[in-house]
Amino acid sequence: MNKQHAIEQFLYQLSAYCDAQDWDNYLEQYAPEAEYHIPQWKSEHVHGTNPKKEMSLLYYPNRDGLEDRVFRIRTGKSAASNPMPRTLHMISNVRYTDLNNDEVEVHYNWVTHYYRFGESAHFFGHAKCKLKTEGADWRITYKQVIVQNDKIDSVFDFYHV
């Protein structure tokens, strides 16, 4: 399998884990040090870049933040995620650049359709992530997601992107 295909398959599988709410396998795709950032827009065409100094829709400095969200979902302590929406993630236009022997930077577009309380809606945007090899597998070490339609009139969480 060539690298482009392997990266695409990794992203498709990550999306499938999220859609199936298979949280253990979803979290396993992130390295413990993985930073996860969804910045807010500063103006119509400029988004934030520094989560420590600017507002973010979501920011976790490592995987612990995602693990906490999953814990709250599983224990019913996340009122915003009860009931959980049904989601369908779609990935396209996957491009990558080699950073070194075991790390790549990946850019891709995404759309997530979701259904909750009899209503369907979607979020869309693009993402950048860094993947490192771990044996024969990939692990996410950094992920930045840009939400293009950021008028959020419902709940919003990591499983929407």
Protein backbone atom coordinates (compact mmCIF):
# COMPACT_ATOMS: atom_id res chain seq x y z
CA MET A 1 0.00 0.00 0.00
CA ASN A 2 1.47 3.37 -0.95
CA LYS A 3 1.72 6.19 1.61
CA GLN A 4 -1.10 8.31 0.12
CA HIS A 5 -3.49 5.37 0.28
CA ALA A 6 -2.39 4.44 3.81
CA ILE A 7 -2.99 7.99 5.06
CA GLU A 8 -6.42 8.13 3.43
CA GLN A 9 -7.36 4.76 4.94
CA PHE A 10 -6.22 5.98 8.36
CA LEU A 11 -8.44 9.09 8.11
CA TYR A 12 -11.41 7.05 6.86
CA GLN A 13 -11.02 4.58 9.72
CA LEU A 14 -10.76 7.41 12.28
CA SER A 15 -14.02 8.82 10.91
CA ALA A 16 -15.67 5.40 11.02
CA TYR A 17 -14.67 4.96 14.68
CA CYS A 18 -16.22 8.34 15.49
CA ASP A 19 -19.42 7.61 13.56
CA ALA A 20 -19.75 4.25 15.33
CA GLN A 21 -19.01 5.93 18.68
CA ASP A 22 -16.22 3.41 19.12
CA TRP A 23 -14.41 5.71 21.52
CA ASP A 24 -11.66 3.30 22.61
CA ASN A 25 -10.42 2.79 19.05
CA TYR A 26 -10.98 6.48 18.23
CA LEU A 27 -8.80 7.61 21.15
CA GLU A 28 -6.16 5.01 20.32
CA GLN A 29 -5.45 6.85 17.05
CA TYR A 30 -4.13 9.85 19.02
CA ALA A 31 -0.67 9.83 20.60
CA PRO A 32 -0.71 10.73 24.32
CA GLU A 33 0.97 14.07 23.51
CA ALA A 34 -1.49 14.91 20.70
CA GLU A 35 -2.55 18.55 20.67
CA TYR A 36 -6.10 19.14 19.40
CA HIS A 37 -7.17 22.65 18.34
CA ILE A 38 -10.28 24.15 16.77
CA PRO A 39 -9.67 27.92 16.62
CA GLN A 40 -12.30 30.64 16.49
CA TRP A 41 -12.42 33.09 13.64
CA LYS A 42 -10.84 36.48 14.42
CA SER A 43 -12.42 38.09 11.36
CA GLU A 44 -14.26 36.91 8.27
CA HIS A 45 -11.12 35.37 6.74
CA VAL A 46 -8.60 35.09 9.59
CA HIS A 47 -8.73 32.43 12.29
CA GLY A 48 -6.77 32.22 15.49
CA THR A 49 -3.48 30.38 15.54
CA ASN A 50 -2.38 30.51 19.18
CA PRO A 51 -4.71 28.59 21.49
CA LYS A 52 -2.86 29.85 24.56
CA LYS A 53 -3.52 33.51 23.74
CA GLU A 54 -6.66 33.47 21.58
CA MET A 55 -10.18 32.08 21.86
CA SER A 56 -10.81 28.58 20.56
CA LEU A 57 -13.92 26.52 19.96
CA LEU A 58 -11.97 23.57 21.44
CA TYR A 59 -8.43 23.21 22.67
CA TYR A 60 -6.76 20.25 24.35
CA PRO A 61 -2.99 20.40 24.89
CA ASN A 62 -2.84 16.58 24.85
CA ARG A 63 -5.04 13.49 24.51
CA ASP A 64 -6.26 13.83 28.12
CA GLY A 65 -8.81 16.43 26.97
CA LEU A 66 -10.38 14.03 24.47
CA GLU A 67 -10.32 11.26 27.06
CA ASP A 68 -12.17 13.53 29.50
CA ARG A 69 -14.85 14.33 26.89
CA VAL A 70 -15.32 10.61 26.19
CA PHE A 71 -15.55 9.90 29.93
CA ARG A 72 -18.27 12.58 30.29
CA ILE A 73 -20.18 11.16 27.31
CA ARG A 74 -19.99 7.59 28.63
CA THR A 75 -21.06 8.50 32.17
CA GLY A 76 -23.92 10.77 31.06
CA LYS A 77 -22.18 13.82 32.60
CA SER A 78 -22.28 15.68 29.30
CA ALA A 79 -25.76 17.18 29.03
CA ALA A 80 -24.81 18.61 25.63
CA SER A 81 -24.19 15.06 24.35
CA ASN A 82 -27.36 13.47 25.63
CA PRO A 83 -28.67 12.05 23.42
CA MET A 84 -25.64 11.60 21.20
CA PRO A 85 -26.22 12.71 17.63
CA ARG A 86 -25.80 10.30 14.76
CA THR A 87 -22.91 11.46 12.59
CA LEU A 88 -21.54 10.77 9.13
CA HIS A 89 -18.03 12.07 8.43
CA MET A 90 -16.83 12.56 4.87
CA ILE A 91 -13.16 13.19 4.02
CA SER A 92 -11.79 14.51 0.71
CA ASN A 93 -8.84 16.20 -0.99
CA VAL A 94 -6.22 14.48 1.18
CA ARG A 95 -2.68 15.82 0.65
CA TYR A 96 0.47 15.13 2.62
CA THR A 97 4.02 16.33 2.98
CA ASP A 98 6.84 14.26 4.48
CA LEU A 99 8.36 15.97 7.51
CA ASN A 100 10.96 13.31 8.28
CA ASN A 101 11.31 9.52 8.10
CA ASP A 102 8.38 8.78 10.41
CA GLU A 103 6.20 11.91 10.37
CA VAL A 104 3.92 13.54 7.79
CA GLU A 105 1.77 16.66 7.73
CA VAL A 106 -1.65 16.00 6.24
CA HIS A 107 -4.23 18.48 4.93
CA TYR A 108 -7.77 17.47 4.03
CA ASN A 109 -11.32 18.73 3.67
CA TRP A 110 -14.21 17.33 5.68
CA VAL A 111 -17.98 17.48 6.04
CA THR A 112 -19.86 16.04 9.00
CA HIS A 113 -23.58 15.48 8.74
CA TYR A 114 -25.35 14.97 12.04
CA TYR A 115 -28.85 14.14 13.18
CA ARG A 116 -30.31 14.91 16.62
CA PHE A 117 -33.81 15.55 17.95
CA GLY A 118 -35.38 14.99 14.52
CA GLU A 119 -33.19 17.64 12.86
CA SER A 120 -30.26 17.20 10.53
CA ALA A 121 -27.47 19.69 9.93
CA HIS A 122 -23.80 19.74 9.01
CA PHE A 123 -20.45 21.30 9.72
CA PHE A 124 -17.68 21.56 7.13
CA GLY A 125 -14.14 22.79 6.83
CA HIS A 126 -10.56 21.71 6.46
CA ALA A 127 -8.00 20.20 8.79
CA LYS A 128 -4.29 19.87 9.24
CA CYS A 129 -2.73 17.11 11.27
CA LYS A 130 0.64 15.56 11.90
CA LEU A 131 0.89 11.80 11.86
CA LYS A 132 3.81 9.74 13.07
CA THR A 133 4.40 6.09 12.45
CA GLU A 134 4.17 3.72 15.37
CA GLY A 135 5.17 0.33 14.09
CA ALA A 136 2.90 -0.31 11.11
CA ASP A 137 0.29 2.20 12.33
CA TRP A 138 -0.17 5.96 12.30
CA ARG A 139 -0.82 8.11 15.39
CA ILE A 140 -2.00 11.72 15.41
CA THR A 141 0.40 14.05 17.24
CA TYR A 142 -1.28 17.33 16.27
CA LYS A 143 -4.65 18.23 14.81
CA GLN A 144 -6.05 21.63 13.88
CA VAL A 145 -9.57 21.77 12.50
CA ILE A 146 -10.98 24.86 10.83
CA VAL A 147 -14.78 25.00 10.91
CA GLN A 148 -15.90 27.05 7.89
CA ASN A 149 -19.55 27.35 8.93
CA ASP A 150 -18.96 28.44 12.48
CA LYS A 151 -22.43 29.78 13.24
CA ILE A 152 -23.13 27.22 15.89
CA ASP A 153 -26.78 27.18 16.89
CA SER A 154 -26.66 23.79 18.61
CA VAL A 155 -24.18 21.80 20.63
CA PHE A 156 -20.67 21.45 19.26
CA ASP A 157 -18.05 18.91 20.24
CA PHE A 158 -15.09 16.96 18.85
CA TYR A 159 -17.39 14.38 17.20
CA HIS A 160 -18.87 17.08 14.95
CA VAL A 161 -15.60 17.55 13.00
